[in-house]
Amino acid sequence: MSGLTTHILDLTHGKPAANVKVDLYVVTEASGILEYRKSVVTNDDGRLDTPLLVEDEMKVGEYELVFYVGEYFRAKEMELTEPHFLERVPVRFCISDVEAHYHVPLLVSPWGYQVYRGS
């Protein structure tokens, strides 16, 4: 089954990151301009209740996810400088096989992050 999903893990607290807003954009091939597609919010498991893209929505091309981690860590009432070091984490990636499943996990703390193509 093809599609696009994500998962966010809070490395500072060792837990899934719940209630994080994530925006999905398509990068237009000709101009490189971001075209907004949708906003979603992670559930208690740091995942989405439905995929960002399902089978018939998958298209070859460049995409960007924007994770609103500053809002998340602010809600945790951590003592951090304002503005936070990481307010938003943009992740740009390409879909080359519309028959494949693309999972883009984000591991995050207030000071750094890591992404990879999951399964």
PDB file of N, CA and C in Angstrom:
ATOM      1  N   MET A   1       0.841  -1.187   0.000  1.00  0.00           N
ATOM      2  CA  MET A   1       0.000   0.000   0.000  1.00  0.00           C
ATOM      3  C   MET A   1       0.881   1.243   0.000  1.00  0.00           C
ATOM      4  N   SER A   2       0.663   2.117  -0.938  1.00  0.00           N
ATOM      5  CA  SER A   2       1.467   3.333  -1.005  1.00  0.00           C
ATOM      6  C   SER A   2       0.820   4.436  -0.177  1.00  0.00           C
ATOM      7  N   GLY A   3       1.624   5.443   0.135  1.00  0.00           N
ATOM      8  CA  GLY A   3       1.134   6.576   0.908  1.00  0.00           C
ATOM      9  C   GLY A   3       2.286   7.311   1.556  1.00  0.00           C
ATOM     10  N   LEU A   4       1.946   8.374   2.271  1.00  0.00           N
ATOM     11  CA  LEU A   4       2.933   9.182   2.979  1.00  0.00           C
ATOM     12  C   LEU A   4       2.487   9.339   4.422  1.00  0.00           C
ATOM     13  N   THR A   5       3.369   8.973   5.360  1.00  0.00           N
ATOM     14  CA  THR A   5       3.076   9.089   6.788  1.00  0.00           C
ATOM     15  C   THR A   5       4.272   9.692   7.506  1.00  0.00           C
ATOM     16  N   THR A   6       4.054  10.083   8.757  1.00  0.00           N
ATOM     17  CA  THR A   6       5.133  10.595   9.590  1.00  0.00           C
ATOM     18  C   THR A   6       4.897  10.168  11.029  1.00  0.00           C
ATOM     19  N   HIS A   7       5.905  10.374  11.842  1.00  0.00           N
ATOM     20  CA  HIS A   7       5.882   9.996  13.258  1.00  0.00           C
ATOM     21  C   HIS A   7       6.889  10.909  13.936  1.00  0.00           C
ATOM     22  N   ILE A   8       6.549  11.465  15.085  1.00  0.00           N
ATOM     23  CA  ILE A   8       7.462  12.376  15.775  1.00  0.00           C
ATOM     24  C   ILE A   8       7.761  11.838  17.162  1.00  0.00           C
ATOM     25  N   LEU A   9       9.048  11.721  17.464  1.00  0.00           N
ATOM     26  CA  LEU A   9       9.493  11.272  18.782  1.00  0.00           C
ATOM     27  C   LEU A   9      10.247  12.397  19.471  1.00  0.00           C
ATOM     28  N   ASP A  10       9.868  12.686  20.709  1.00  0.00           N
ATOM     29  CA  ASP A  10      10.487  13.711  21.542  1.00  0.00           C
ATOM     30  C   ASP A  10      11.661  13.065  22.271  1.00  0.00           C
ATOM     31  N   LEU A  11      12.877  13.384  21.851  1.00  0.00           N
ATOM     32  CA  LEU A  11      14.073  12.781  22.448  1.00  0.00           C
ATOM     33  C   LEU A  11      14.366  13.320  23.842  1.00  0.00           C
ATOM     34  N   THR A  12      13.884  14.502  24.161  1.00  0.00           N
ATOM     35  CA  THR A  12      14.125  15.083  25.477  1.00  0.00           C
ATOM     36  C   THR A  12      13.342  14.352  26.560  1.00  0.00           C
ATOM     37  N   HIS A  13      12.101  14.011  26.250  1.00  0.00           N
ATOM     38  CA  HIS A  13      11.243  13.357  27.230  1.00  0.00           C
ATOM     39  C   HIS A  13      11.145  11.848  27.018  1.00  0.00           C
ATOM     40  N   GLY A  14      11.701  11.356  25.914  1.00  0.00           N
ATOM     41  CA  GLY A  14      11.651   9.925  25.625  1.00  0.00           C
ATOM     42  C   GLY A  14      10.253   9.418  25.335  1.00  0.00           C
ATOM     43  N   LYS A  15       9.453  10.249  24.654  1.00  0.00           N
ATOM     44  CA  LYS A  15       8.056   9.903  24.389  1.00  0.00           C
ATOM     45  C   LYS A  15       7.664  10.335  22.981  1.00  0.00           C
ATOM     46  N   PRO A  16       6.552   9.789  22.481  1.00  0.00           N
ATOM     47  CA  PRO A  16       6.009  10.322  21.238  1.00  0.00           C
ATOM     48  C   PRO A  16       5.600  11.778  21.438  1.00  0.00           C
ATOM     49  N   ALA A  17       5.697  12.566  20.393  1.00  0.00           N
ATOM     50  CA  ALA A  17       5.338  13.984  20.459  1.00  0.00           C
ATOM     51  C   ALA A  17       3.893  14.160  19.990  1.00  0.00           C
ATOM     52  N   ALA A  18       2.999  14.350  20.947  1.00  0.00           N
ATOM     53  CA  ALA A  18       1.573  14.509  20.653  1.00  0.00           C
ATOM     54  C   ALA A  18       1.239  15.976  20.407  1.00  0.00           C
ATOM     55  N   ASN A  19       0.215  16.185  19.613  1.00  0.00           N
ATOM     56  CA  ASN A  19      -0.328  17.526  19.336  1.00  0.00           C
ATOM     57  C   ASN A  19       0.657  18.457  18.637  1.00  0.00           C
ATOM     58  N   VAL A  20       1.446  17.902  17.732  1.00  0.00           N
ATOM     59  CA  VAL A  20       2.361  18.721  16.927  1.00  0.00           C
ATOM     60  C   VAL A  20       1.705  18.977  15.571  1.00  0.00           C
ATOM     61  N   LYS A  21       1.627  20.237  15.198  1.00  0.00           N
ATOM     62  CA  LYS A  21       1.096  20.602  13.882  1.00  0.00           C
ATOM     63  C   LYS A  21       2.148  20.288  12.825  1.00  0.00           C
ATOM     64  N   VAL A  22       1.678  19.722  11.703  1.00  0.00           N
ATOM     65  CA  VAL A  22       2.542  19.400  10.569  1.00  0.00           C
ATOM     66  C   VAL A  22       1.845  19.901   9.307  1.00  0.00           C
ATOM     67  N   ASP A  23       2.561  20.682   8.504  1.00  0.00           N
ATOM     68  CA  ASP A  23       2.041  21.150   7.220  1.00  0.00           C
ATOM     69  C   ASP A  23       2.697  20.360   6.097  1.00  0.00           C
ATOM     70  N   LEU A  24       1.920  20.064   5.064  1.00  0.00           N
ATOM     71  CA  LEU A  24       2.424  19.399   3.863  1.00  0.00           C
ATOM     72  C   LEU A  24       2.352  20.370   2.697  1.00  0.00           C
ATOM     73  N   TYR A  25       3.465  20.460   1.968  1.00  0.00           N
ATOM     74  CA  TYR A  25       3.555  21.291   0.767  1.00  0.00           C
ATOM     75  C   TYR A  25       4.079  20.449  -0.389  1.00  0.00           C
ATOM     76  N   VAL A  26       3.692  20.827  -1.597  1.00  0.00           N
ATOM     77  CA  VAL A  26       4.283  20.294  -2.818  1.00  0.00           C
ATOM     78  C   VAL A  26       5.171  21.398  -3.372  1.00  0.00           C
ATOM     79  N   VAL A  27       6.372  21.044  -3.798  1.00  0.00           N
ATOM     80  CA  VAL A  27       7.289  22.013  -4.400  1.00  0.00           C
ATOM     81  C   VAL A  27       7.039  21.994  -5.903  1.00  0.00           C
ATOM     82  N   THR A  28       6.629  23.131  -6.465  1.00  0.00           N
ATOM     83  CA  THR A  28       6.340  23.168  -7.896  1.00  0.00           C
ATOM     84  C   THR A  28       7.634  23.014  -8.685  1.00  0.00           C
ATOM     85  N   GLU A  29       7.577  22.173  -9.693  1.00  0.00           N
ATOM     86  CA  GLU A  29       8.777  21.841 -10.463  1.00  0.00           C
ATOM     87  C   GLU A  29       9.355  23.051 -11.188  1.00  0.00           C
ATOM     88  N   ALA A  30       8.523  23.843 -11.799  1.00  0.00           N
ATOM     89  CA  ALA A  30       9.012  24.958 -12.614  1.00  0.00           C
ATOM     90  C   ALA A  30       9.593  26.095 -11.782  1.00  0.00           C
ATOM     91  N   SER A  31       8.913  26.464 -10.703  1.00  0.00           N
ATOM     92  CA  SER A  31       9.322  27.659  -9.958  1.00  0.00           C
ATOM     93  C   SER A  31       9.957  27.366  -8.606  1.00  0.00           C
ATOM     94  N   GLY A  32       9.764  26.162  -8.089  1.00  0.00           N
ATOM     95  CA  GLY A  32      10.277  25.845  -6.757  1.00  0.00           C
ATOM     96  C   GLY A  32       9.444  26.444  -5.635  1.00  0.00           C
ATOM     97  N   ILE A  33       8.304  27.015  -5.974  1.00  0.00           N
ATOM     98  CA  ILE A  33       7.414  27.616  -4.979  1.00  0.00           C
ATOM     99  C   ILE A  33       6.666  26.507  -4.241  1.00  0.00           C
ATOM    100  N   LEU A  34       6.455  26.717  -2.939  1.00  0.00           N
ATOM    101  CA  LEU A  34       5.718  25.753  -2.130  1.00  0.00           C
ATOM    102  C   LEU A  34       4.218  25.965  -2.308  1.00  0.00           C
ATOM    103  N   GLU A  35       3.518  24.878  -2.623  1.00  0.00           N
ATOM    104  CA  GLU A  35       2.058  24.910  -2.711  1.00  0.00           C
ATOM    105  C   GLU A  35       1.503  24.150  -1.519  1.00  0.00           C
ATOM    106  N   TYR A  36       0.757  24.850  -0.670  1.00  0.00           N
ATOM    107  CA  TYR A  36       0.178  24.253   0.533  1.00  0.00           C
ATOM    108  C   TYR A  36      -0.828  23.172   0.157  1.00  0.00           C
ATOM    109  N   ARG A  37      -0.761  22.034   0.861  1.00  0.00           N
ATOM    110  CA  ARG A  37      -1.714  20.949   0.640  1.00  0.00           C
ATOM    111  C   ARG A  37      -2.622  20.723   1.845  1.00  0.00           C
ATOM    112  N   LYS A  38      -2.034  20.600   3.053  1.00  0.00           N
ATOM    113  CA  LYS A  38      -2.870  20.358   4.229  1.00  0.00           C
ATOM    114  C   LYS A  38      -2.075  20.523   5.508  1.00  0.00           C
ATOM    115  N   SER A  39      -2.823  20.657   6.610  1.00  0.00           N
ATOM    116  CA  SER A  39      -2.255  20.670   7.955  1.00  0.00           C
ATOM    117  C   SER A  39      -2.879  19.527   8.740  1.00  0.00           C
ATOM    118  N   VAL A  40      -2.069  18.891   9.561  1.00  0.00           N
ATOM    119  CA  VAL A  40      -2.533  17.800  10.417  1.00  0.00           C
ATOM    120  C   VAL A  40      -1.894  17.978  11.789  1.00  0.00           C
ATOM    121  N   VAL A  41      -2.367  17.212  12.762  1.00  0.00           N
ATOM    122  CA  VAL A  41      -1.825  17.257  14.117  1.00  0.00           C
ATOM    123  C   VAL A  41      -1.593  15.825  14.573  1.00  0.00           C
ATOM    124  N   THR A  42      -0.447  15.589  15.208  1.00  0.00           N
ATOM    125  CA  THR A  42      -0.132  14.236  15.672  1.00  0.00           C
ATOM    126  C   THR A  42      -1.035  13.831  16.834  1.00  0.00           C
ATOM    127  N   ASN A  43      -1.275  12.528  16.929  1.00  0.00           N
ATOM    128  CA  ASN A  43      -2.087  11.983  18.016  1.00  0.00           C
ATOM    129  C   ASN A  43      -1.209  11.667  19.234  1.00  0.00           C
ATOM    130  N   ASP A  44      -1.758  10.997  20.232  1.00  0.00           N
ATOM    131  CA  ASP A  44      -1.020  10.706  21.469  1.00  0.00           C
ATOM    132  C   ASP A  44       0.200   9.822  21.242  1.00  0.00           C
ATOM    133  N   ASP A  45       0.210   9.078  20.126  1.00  0.00           N
ATOM    134  CA  ASP A  45       1.344   8.212  19.800  1.00  0.00           C
ATOM    135  C   ASP A  45       2.359   8.923  18.904  1.00  0.00           C
ATOM    136  N   GLY A  46       2.173  10.234  18.679  1.00  0.00           N
ATOM    137  CA  GLY A  46       3.079  10.989  17.823  1.00  0.00           C
ATOM    138  C   GLY A  46       2.892  10.699  16.345  1.00  0.00           C
ATOM    139  N   ARG A  47       1.826   9.998  16.018  1.00  0.00           N
ATOM    140  CA  ARG A  47       1.529   9.626  14.631  1.00  0.00           C
ATOM    141  C   ARG A  47       0.294  10.388  14.151  1.00  0.00           C
ATOM    142  N   LEU A  48      -0.048  10.172  12.898  1.00  0.00           N
ATOM    143  CA  LEU A  48      -1.252  10.777  12.335  1.00  0.00           C
ATOM    144  C   LEU A  48      -2.360   9.737  12.293  1.00  0.00           C
ATOM    145  N   ASP A  49      -3.587  10.179  12.461  1.00  0.00           N
ATOM    146  CA  ASP A  49      -4.715   9.252  12.401  1.00  0.00           C
ATOM    147  C   ASP A  49      -4.974   8.769  10.977  1.00  0.00           C
ATOM    148  N   THR A  50      -4.609   9.579   9.998  1.00  0.00           N
ATOM    149  CA  THR A  50      -4.735   9.195   8.592  1.00  0.00           C
ATOM    150  C   THR A  50      -3.460   9.619   7.865  1.00  0.00           C
ATOM    151  N   PRO A  51      -3.104   8.948   6.776  1.00  0.00           N
ATOM    152  CA  PRO A  51      -1.897   9.323   6.034  1.00  0.00           C
ATOM    153  C   PRO A  51      -1.987  10.745   5.474  1.00  0.00           C
ATOM    154  N   LEU A  52      -0.834  11.355   5.290  1.00  0.00           N
ATOM    155  CA  LEU A  52      -0.771  12.668   4.639  1.00  0.00           C
ATOM    156  C   LEU A  52      -1.202  12.561   3.182  1.00  0.00           C
ATOM    157  N   LEU A  53      -0.767  11.504   2.525  1.00  0.00           N
ATOM    158  CA  LEU A  53      -1.179  11.200   1.156  1.00  0.00           C
ATOM    159  C   LEU A  53      -1.581   9.736   1.108  1.00  0.00           C
ATOM    160  N   VAL A  54      -2.640   9.440   0.385  1.00  0.00           N
ATOM    161  CA  VAL A  54      -3.049   8.059   0.163  1.00  0.00           C
ATOM    162  C   VAL A  54      -2.716   7.691  -1.280  1.00  0.00           C
ATOM    163  N   GLU A  55      -2.946   6.431  -1.623  1.00  0.00           N
ATOM    164  CA  GLU A  55      -2.503   5.878  -2.905  1.00  0.00           C
ATOM    165  C   GLU A  55      -2.773   6.775  -4.107  1.00  0.00           C
ATOM    166  N   ASP A  56      -4.016   7.196  -4.289  1.00  0.00           N
ATOM    167  CA  ASP A  56      -4.352   7.968  -5.495  1.00  0.00           C
ATOM    168  C   ASP A  56      -3.829   9.404  -5.453  1.00  0.00           C
ATOM    169  N   GLU A  57      -3.346   9.858  -4.302  1.00  0.00           N
ATOM    170  CA  GLU A  57      -2.780  11.210  -4.183  1.00  0.00           C
ATOM    171  C   GLU A  57      -1.269  11.236  -4.398  1.00  0.00           C
ATOM    172  N   MET A  58      -0.647  10.077  -4.440  1.00  0.00           N
ATOM    173  CA  MET A  58       0.808   9.995  -4.591  1.00  0.00           C
ATOM    174  C   MET A  58       1.214  10.405  -6.007  1.00  0.00           C
ATOM    175  N   LYS A  59       2.112  11.362  -6.089  1.00  0.00           N
ATOM    176  CA  LYS A  59       2.648  11.840  -7.373  1.00  0.00           C
ATOM    177  C   LYS A  59       4.161  11.941  -7.257  1.00  0.00           C
ATOM    178  N   VAL A  60       4.866  11.641  -8.333  1.00  0.00           N
ATOM    179  CA  VAL A  60       6.314  11.828  -8.360  1.00  0.00           C
ATOM    180  C   VAL A  60       6.588  13.318  -8.211  1.00  0.00           C
ATOM    181  N   GLY A  61       7.550  13.654  -7.358  1.00  0.00           N
ATOM    182  CA  GLY A  61       7.887  15.057  -7.190  1.00  0.00           C
ATOM    183  C   GLY A  61       8.532  15.351  -5.859  1.00  0.00           C
ATOM    184  N   GLU A  62       8.719  16.643  -5.618  1.00  0.00           N
ATOM    185  CA  GLU A  62       9.375  17.123  -4.407  1.00  0.00           C
ATOM    186  C   GLU A  62       8.318  17.657  -3.438  1.00  0.00           C
ATOM    187  N   TYR A  63       8.490  17.328  -2.165  1.00  0.00           N
ATOM    188  CA  TYR A  63       7.533  17.697  -1.121  1.00  0.00           C
ATOM    189  C   TYR A  63       8.274  18.316   0.053  1.00  0.00           C
ATOM    190  N   GLU A  64       7.517  19.008   0.904  1.00  0.00           N
ATOM    191  CA  GLU A  64       8.099  19.528   2.136  1.00  0.00           C
ATOM    192  C   GLU A  64       7.098  19.362   3.273  1.00  0.00           C
ATOM    193  N   LEU A  65       7.594  18.839   4.383  1.00  0.00           N
ATOM    194  CA  LEU A  65       6.837  18.795   5.627  1.00  0.00           C
ATOM    195  C   LEU A  65       7.412  19.864   6.543  1.00  0.00           C
ATOM    196  N   VAL A  66       6.550  20.590   7.231  1.00  0.00           N
ATOM    197  CA  VAL A  66       6.995  21.576   8.212  1.00  0.00           C
ATOM    198  C   VAL A  66       6.413  21.164   9.561  1.00  0.00           C
ATOM    199  N   PHE A  67       7.302  20.888  10.510  1.00  0.00           N
ATOM    200  CA  PHE A  67       6.922  20.451  11.850  1.00  0.00           C
ATOM    201  C   PHE A  67       7.021  21.647  12.796  1.00  0.00           C
ATOM    202  N   TYR A  68       5.958  21.968  13.497  1.00  0.00           N
ATOM    203  CA  TYR A  68       5.907  23.125  14.405  1.00  0.00           C
ATOM    204  C   TYR A  68       6.346  22.700  15.809  1.00  0.00           C
ATOM    205  N   VAL A  69       7.636  22.482  15.960  1.00  0.00           N
ATOM    206  CA  VAL A  69       8.164  21.949  17.222  1.00  0.00           C
ATOM    207  C   VAL A  69       8.291  23.007  18.309  1.00  0.00           C
ATOM    208  N   GLY A  70       8.434  24.270  17.952  1.00  0.00           N
ATOM    209  CA  GLY A  70       8.507  25.334  18.953  1.00  0.00           C
ATOM    210  C   GLY A  70       7.240  25.382  19.790  1.00  0.00           C
ATOM    211  N   GLU A  71       6.096  25.310  19.135  1.00  0.00           N
ATOM    212  CA  GLU A  71       4.808  25.297  19.840  1.00  0.00           C
ATOM    213  C   GLU A  71       4.722  24.083  20.767  1.00  0.00           C
ATOM    214  N   TYR A  72       5.205  22.948  20.289  1.00  0.00           N
ATOM    215  CA  TYR A  72       5.165  21.719  21.088  1.00  0.00           C
ATOM    216  C   TYR A  72       5.996  21.867  22.365  1.00  0.00           C
ATOM    217  N   PHE A  73       7.253  22.300  22.238  1.00  0.00           N
ATOM    218  CA  PHE A  73       8.112  22.421  23.421  1.00  0.00           C
ATOM    219  C   PHE A  73       7.645  23.551  24.343  1.00  0.00           C
ATOM    220  N   ARG A  74       7.046  24.588  23.785  1.00  0.00           N
ATOM    221  CA  ARG A  74       6.484  25.660  24.606  1.00  0.00           C
ATOM    222  C   ARG A  74       5.361  25.103  25.488  1.00  0.00           C
ATOM    223  N   ALA A  75       4.536  24.240  24.932  1.00  0.00           N
ATOM    224  CA  ALA A  75       3.434  23.631  25.689  1.00  0.00           C
ATOM    225  C   ALA A  75       3.948  22.719  26.803  1.00  0.00           C
ATOM    226  N   LYS A  76       5.175  22.232  26.669  1.00  0.00           N
ATOM    227  CA  LYS A  76       5.788  21.381  27.700  1.00  0.00           C
ATOM    228  C   LYS A  76       6.352  22.214  28.852  1.00  0.00           C
ATOM    229  N   GLU A  77       6.265  23.536  28.726  1.00  0.00           N
ATOM    230  CA  GLU A  77       6.726  24.474  29.756  1.00  0.00           C
ATOM    231  C   GLU A  77       8.189  24.258  30.138  1.00  0.00           C
ATOM    232  N   MET A  78       9.004  24.007  29.129  1.00  0.00           N
ATOM    233  CA  MET A  78      10.443  23.869  29.340  1.00  0.00           C
ATOM    234  C   MET A  78      11.063  25.257  29.420  1.00  0.00           C
ATOM    235  N   GLU A  79      12.105  25.395  30.197  1.00  0.00           N
ATOM    236  CA  GLU A  79      12.806  26.675  30.299  1.00  0.00           C
ATOM    237  C   GLU A  79      13.763  26.804  29.118  1.00  0.00           C
ATOM    238  N   LEU A  80      13.297  27.512  28.100  1.00  0.00           N
ATOM    239  CA  LEU A  80      14.071  27.708  26.876  1.00  0.00           C
ATOM    240  C   LEU A  80      14.052  29.185  26.523  1.00  0.00           C
ATOM    241  N   THR A  81      15.047  29.608  25.752  1.00  0.00           N
ATOM    242  CA  THR A  81      15.085  30.995  25.299  1.00  0.00           C
ATOM    243  C   THR A  81      13.956  31.250  24.307  1.00  0.00           C
ATOM    244  N   GLU A  82      13.575  32.494  24.185  1.00  0.00           N
ATOM    245  CA  GLU A  82      12.565  32.892  23.198  1.00  0.00           C
ATOM    246  C   GLU A  82      13.222  33.810  22.181  1.00  0.00           C
ATOM    247  N   PRO A  83      13.039  33.610  20.906  1.00  0.00           N
ATOM    248  CA  PRO A  83      12.365  32.442  20.359  1.00  0.00           C
ATOM    249  C   PRO A  83      13.214  31.191  20.557  1.00  0.00           C
ATOM    250  N   HIS A  84      12.557  30.044  20.470  1.00  0.00           N
ATOM    251  CA  HIS A  84      13.280  28.782  20.623  1.00  0.00           C
ATOM    252  C   HIS A  84      14.297  28.613  19.497  1.00  0.00           C
ATOM    253  N   PHE A  85      15.339  27.844  19.773  1.00  0.00           N
ATOM    254  CA  PHE A  85      16.353  27.562  18.755  1.00  0.00           C
ATOM    255  C   PHE A  85      15.696  26.951  17.519  1.00  0.00           C
ATOM    256  N   LEU A  86      14.792  26.000  17.715  1.00  0.00           N
ATOM    257  CA  LEU A  86      14.041  25.401  16.611  1.00  0.00           C
ATOM    258  C   LEU A  86      12.567  25.740  16.780  1.00  0.00           C
ATOM    259  N   GLU A  87      12.061  26.604  15.950  1.00  0.00           N
ATOM    260  CA  GLU A  87      10.627  26.910  15.954  1.00  0.00           C
ATOM    261  C   GLU A  87       9.885  25.965  15.011  1.00  0.00           C
ATOM    262  N   ARG A  88      10.431  25.831  13.809  1.00  0.00           N
ATOM    263  CA  ARG A  88       9.849  24.944  12.798  1.00  0.00           C
ATOM    264  C   ARG A  88      10.974  24.127  12.185  1.00  0.00           C
ATOM    265  N   VAL A  89      10.664  22.885  11.873  1.00  0.00           N
ATOM    266  CA  VAL A  89      11.632  22.020  11.205  1.00  0.00           C
ATOM    267  C   VAL A  89      11.075  21.689   9.819  1.00  0.00           C
ATOM    268  N   PRO A  90      11.686  22.249   8.754  1.00  0.00           N
ATOM    269  CA  PRO A  90      11.269  21.898   7.401  1.00  0.00           C
ATOM    270  C   PRO A  90      12.060  20.681   6.914  1.00  0.00           C
ATOM    271  N   VAL A  91      11.356  19.756   6.304  1.00  0.00           N
ATOM    272  CA  VAL A  91      12.005  18.558   5.762  1.00  0.00           C
ATOM    273  C   VAL A  91      11.577  18.426   4.309  1.00  0.00           C
ATOM    274  N   ARG A  92      12.538  18.568   3.401  1.00  0.00           N
ATOM    275  CA  ARG A  92      12.250  18.469   1.974  1.00  0.00           C
ATOM    276  C   ARG A  92      12.741  17.121   1.474  1.00  0.00           C
ATOM    277  N   PHE A  93      11.906  16.447   0.703  1.00  0.00           N
ATOM    278  CA  PHE A  93      12.224  15.102   0.215  1.00  0.00           C
ATOM    279  C   PHE A  93      11.496  14.884  -1.109  1.00  0.00           C
ATOM    280  N   CYS A  94      11.864  13.809  -1.794  1.00  0.00           N
ATOM    281  CA  CYS A  94      11.257  13.500  -3.085  1.00  0.00           C
ATOM    282  C   CYS A  94      10.582  12.142  -3.059  1.00  0.00           C
ATOM    283  N   ILE A  95       9.486  12.058  -3.768  1.00  0.00           N
ATOM    284  CA  ILE A  95       8.800  10.789  -4.010  1.00  0.00           C
ATOM    285  C   ILE A  95       9.108  10.401  -5.444  1.00  0.00           C
ATOM    286  N   SER A  96       9.713   9.236  -5.610  1.00  0.00           N
ATOM    287  CA  SER A  96      10.079   8.775  -6.950  1.00  0.00           C
ATOM    288  C   SER A  96       9.280   7.545  -7.379  1.00  0.00           C
ATOM    289  N   ASP A  97       8.655   6.863  -6.436  1.00  0.00           N
ATOM    290  CA  ASP A  97       7.899   5.642  -6.721  1.00  0.00           C
ATOM    291  C   ASP A  97       6.526   5.765  -6.068  1.00  0.00           C
ATOM    292  N   VAL A  98       5.504   6.033  -6.863  1.00  0.00           N
ATOM    293  CA  VAL A  98       4.166   6.249  -6.310  1.00  0.00           C
ATOM    294  C   VAL A  98       3.523   4.967  -5.792  1.00  0.00           C
ATOM    295  N   GLU A  99       4.124   3.829  -6.078  1.00  0.00           N
ATOM    296  CA  GLU A  99       3.612   2.550  -5.574  1.00  0.00           C
ATOM    297  C   GLU A  99       4.194   2.209  -4.205  1.00  0.00           C
ATOM    298  N   ALA A 100       5.173   2.979  -3.747  1.00  0.00           N
ATOM    299  CA  ALA A 100       5.860   2.696  -2.481  1.00  0.00           C
ATOM    300  C   ALA A 100       5.229   3.484  -1.336  1.00  0.00           C
ATOM    301  N   HIS A 101       5.513   3.016  -0.125  1.00  0.00           N
ATOM    302  CA  HIS A 101       5.104   3.750   1.077  1.00  0.00           C
ATOM    303  C   HIS A 101       6.285   4.594   1.535  1.00  0.00           C
ATOM    304  N   TYR A 102       6.030   5.863   1.809  1.00  0.00           N
ATOM    305  CA  TYR A 102       7.061   6.770   2.315  1.00  0.00           C
ATOM    306  C   TYR A 102       6.688   7.156   3.743  1.00  0.00           C
ATOM    307  N   HIS A 103       7.573   6.822   4.674  1.00  0.00           N
ATOM    308  CA  HIS A 103       7.382   7.169   6.083  1.00  0.00           C
ATOM    309  C   HIS A 103       8.542   8.072   6.467  1.00  0.00           C
ATOM    310  N   VAL A 104       8.241   9.263   6.998  1.00  0.00           N
ATOM    311  CA  VAL A 104       9.263  10.264   7.308  1.00  0.00           C
ATOM    312  C   VAL A 104       9.218  10.563   8.808  1.00  0.00           C
ATOM    313  N   PRO A 105       9.933   9.768   9.625  1.00  0.00           N
ATOM    314  CA  PRO A 105       9.962  10.019  11.066  1.00  0.00           C
ATOM    315  C   PRO A 105      10.872  11.197  11.407  1.00  0.00           C
ATOM    316  N   LEU A 106      10.481  11.929  12.450  1.00  0.00           N
ATOM    317  CA  LEU A 106      11.273  13.038  12.974  1.00  0.00           C
ATOM    318  C   LEU A 106      11.601  12.732  14.429  1.00  0.00           C
ATOM    319  N   LEU A 107      12.887  12.718  14.748  1.00  0.00           N
ATOM    320  CA  LEU A 107      13.361  12.601  16.126  1.00  0.00           C
ATOM    321  C   LEU A 107      13.820  13.993  16.512  1.00  0.00           C
ATOM    322  N   VAL A 108      13.281  14.552  17.599  1.00  0.00           N
ATOM    323  CA  VAL A 108      13.514  15.971  17.858  1.00  0.00           C
ATOM    324  C   VAL A 108      13.733  16.272  19.336  1.00  0.00           C
ATOM    325  N   SER A 109      14.560  17.280  19.565  1.00  0.00           N
ATOM    326  CA  SER A 109      14.741  17.888  20.885  1.00  0.00           C
ATOM    327  C   SER A 109      14.686  19.397  20.645  1.00  0.00           C
ATOM    328  N   PRO A 110      14.740  20.216  21.682  1.00  0.00           N
ATOM    329  CA  PRO A 110      14.734  21.660  21.439  1.00  0.00           C
ATOM    330  C   PRO A 110      15.971  22.167  20.691  1.00  0.00           C
ATOM    331  N   TRP A 111      17.021  21.334  20.586  1.00  0.00           N
ATOM    332  CA  TRP A 111      18.289  21.805  20.018  1.00  0.00           C
ATOM    333  C   TRP A 111      18.742  21.058  18.774  1.00  0.00           C
ATOM    334  N   GLY A 112      18.015  20.048  18.366  1.00  0.00           N
ATOM    335  CA  GLY A 112      18.435  19.309  17.184  1.00  0.00           C
ATOM    336  C   GLY A 112      17.379  18.312  16.746  1.00  0.00           C
ATOM    337  N   TYR A 113      17.601  17.755  15.552  1.00  0.00           N
ATOM    338  CA  TYR A 113      16.650  16.781  15.026  1.00  0.00           C
ATOM    339  C   TYR A 113      17.338  15.857  14.035  1.00  0.00           C
ATOM    340  N   GLN A 114      16.656  14.754  13.745  1.00  0.00           N
ATOM    341  CA  GLN A 114      17.112  13.804  12.740  1.00  0.00           C
ATOM    342  C   GLN A 114      15.887  13.274  12.018  1.00  0.00           C
ATOM    343  N   VAL A 115      16.023  13.106  10.710  1.00  0.00           N
ATOM    344  CA  VAL A 115      14.963  12.499   9.912  1.00  0.00           C
ATOM    345  C   VAL A 115      15.574  11.382   9.086  1.00  0.00           C
ATOM    346  N   TYR A 116      14.723  10.469   8.669  1.00  0.00           N
ATOM    347  CA  TYR A 116      15.172   9.374   7.814  1.00  0.00           C
ATOM    348  C   TYR A 116      13.956   8.810   7.100  1.00  0.00           C
ATOM    349  N   ARG A 117      14.195   8.007   6.090  1.00  0.00           N
ATOM    350  CA  ARG A 117      13.076   7.328   5.438  1.00  0.00           C
ATOM    351  C   ARG A 117      12.838   6.030   6.184  1.00  0.00           C
ATOM    352  N   GLY A 118      11.730   5.964   6.845  1.00  0.00           N
ATOM    353  CA  GLY A 118      11.375   4.773   7.614  1.00  0.00           C
ATOM    354  C   GLY A 118      10.636   3.771   6.753  1.00  0.00           C
ATOM    355  N   SER A 119      10.036   2.822   7.423  1.00  0.00           N
ATOM    356  CA  SER A 119       9.295   1.778   6.701  1.00  0.00           C
ATOM    357  C   SER A 119       7.860   1.719   7.171  1.00  0.00           C
TER     358      SER A 119
END
